[in-house]
Amino acid sequence: MSRDYEPVKGQWYENLEEDESFRVLSVDEDSELIEIEYLDGEIEEIDLEAWHEMDLERTEEPEGWSESGDEDEDEEEDDDDDWEDDDDDDDDDDWEEEDDDDDRDRY
């Protein structure tokens, strides 16, 4: 029995032929491209024709699934902010030292 589901953003599907689960990240109707993400975090774009050739079944979000990639990015951004703050402090120290040197040269 063939199942022909339309891709729905955020919906989870199982490709029965490949025994892989994935969720739809986006559907671009103009270009007929569908962006999907597998459980291992791999992201792939497939065209609508390939979508309709797949033997799919709708499924629930897997237990324990989390969008850890987004959380990691946030943490990395925080780390970058801390790094920038450290650089700013160093620059301020260098500036103060240069001022002190200039004052000594004048006297």
Protein backbone atom coordinates (compact mmCIF):
# COMPACT_ATOMS: atom_id res chain seq x y z
CA MET A 1 0.00 0.00 0.00
CA SER A 2 1.49 3.32 -1.06
CA ARG A 3 1.31 6.32 1.26
CA ASP A 4 1.59 9.72 -0.33
CA TYR A 5 1.93 12.39 2.35
CA GLU A 6 2.51 16.03 1.61
CA PRO A 7 5.56 17.41 3.45
CA VAL A 8 4.59 19.38 6.55
CA LYS A 9 7.11 21.57 8.34
CA GLY A 10 7.88 20.18 11.82
CA GLN A 11 6.29 16.77 11.08
CA TRP A 12 8.32 13.61 11.64
CA TYR A 13 8.34 10.84 9.02
CA GLU A 14 9.92 7.43 8.72
CA ASN A 15 11.36 6.34 5.40
CA LEU A 16 10.33 2.69 5.50
CA GLU A 17 12.69 1.61 2.71
CA GLU A 18 15.76 3.07 4.45
CA ASP A 19 14.49 2.60 8.03
CA GLU A 20 15.37 6.23 8.83
CA SER A 21 13.40 8.85 10.69
CA PHE A 22 13.57 12.54 9.89
CA ARG A 23 11.66 15.74 10.34
CA VAL A 24 10.79 18.38 7.79
CA LEU A 25 12.61 21.65 8.46
CA SER A 26 11.18 23.66 5.58
CA VAL A 27 9.15 23.37 2.42
CA ASP A 28 9.85 25.74 -0.45
CA GLU A 29 6.88 25.45 -2.76
CA ASP A 30 8.39 27.77 -5.39
CA SER A 31 11.54 25.72 -5.92
CA GLU A 32 9.83 22.46 -4.87
CA LEU A 33 12.58 21.70 -2.36
CA ILE A 34 12.15 20.13 1.05
CA GLU A 35 14.80 20.46 3.75
CA ILE A 36 14.89 17.52 6.16
CA GLU A 37 16.93 16.64 9.24
CA TYR A 38 17.79 13.08 10.23
CA LEU A 39 18.17 11.85 13.80
CA ASP A 40 21.96 12.13 13.56
CA GLY A 41 21.66 15.84 12.76
CA GLU A 42 22.46 15.51 9.06
CA ILE A 43 20.47 17.96 6.95
CA GLU A 44 19.51 17.23 3.36
CA GLU A 45 17.48 18.92 0.66
CA ILE A 46 15.33 16.77 -1.57
CA ASP A 47 13.04 17.74 -4.40
CA LEU A 48 9.31 17.14 -4.39
CA GLU A 49 9.59 14.36 -6.97
CA ALA A 50 12.04 12.41 -4.77
CA TRP A 51 9.72 13.01 -1.80
CA HIS A 52 6.79 11.36 -3.57
CA GLU A 53 8.94 8.35 -4.55
CA MET A 54 9.78 7.59 -0.91
CA ASP A 55 7.71 5.10 1.09
CA LEU A 56 6.89 7.29 4.10
CA GLU A 57 4.89 6.92 7.24
CA ARG A 58 4.13 9.73 9.65
CA THR A 59 5.61 9.17 13.07
CA GLU A 60 5.89 10.88 16.41
CA GLU A 61 8.93 12.84 17.55
CA PRO A 62 11.46 10.29 18.84
CA GLU A 63 11.88 10.00 22.60
CA GLY A 64 14.84 11.93 23.90
CA TRP A 65 15.03 14.06 20.77
CA SER A 66 16.26 17.53 21.44
CA GLU A 67 17.38 20.26 19.16
CA SER A 68 20.82 20.15 20.71
CA GLY A 69 22.37 21.91 17.72
CA ASP A 70 20.50 25.10 18.56
CA GLU A 71 21.50 24.93 22.22
CA ASP A 72 25.16 24.35 21.32
CA GLU A 73 25.10 27.37 19.02
CA ASP A 74 23.73 29.54 21.83
CA GLU A 75 26.45 28.34 24.18
CA GLU A 76 29.11 29.01 21.57
CA GLU A 77 27.78 32.54 21.08
CA ASP A 78 28.00 33.10 24.84
CA ASP A 79 31.58 31.83 24.79
CA ASP A 80 32.37 34.20 21.94
CA ASP A 81 30.93 37.10 23.92
CA ASP A 82 33.16 36.23 26.88
CA TRP A 83 36.17 36.09 24.58
CA GLU A 84 35.36 39.49 23.11
CA ASP A 85 35.02 40.96 26.60
CA ASP A 86 38.48 39.65 27.47
CA ASP A 87 39.89 41.24 24.34
CA ASP A 88 38.28 44.56 25.20
CA ASP A 89 39.85 44.49 28.67
CA ASP A 90 43.27 43.81 27.16
CA ASP A 91 42.85 46.69 24.73
CA ASP A 92 41.96 49.03 27.58
CA ASP A 93 45.08 47.98 29.50
CA ASP A 94 47.27 48.57 26.45
CA TRP A 95 45.77 52.03 25.97
CA GLU A 96 46.43 52.99 29.57
CA GLU A 97 50.04 51.81 29.29
CA GLU A 98 50.53 53.86 26.15
CA ASP A 99 49.18 56.95 27.91
CA ASP A 100 51.62 56.41 30.76
CA ASP A 101 54.53 56.12 28.31
CA ASP A 102 53.50 59.33 26.53
CA ASP A 103 53.35 61.23 29.82
CA ARG A 104 56.91 60.14 30.70
CA ASP A 105 58.23 61.31 27.35
CA ARG A 106 56.83 64.80 27.86
CA TYR A 107 58.69 65.52 31.14
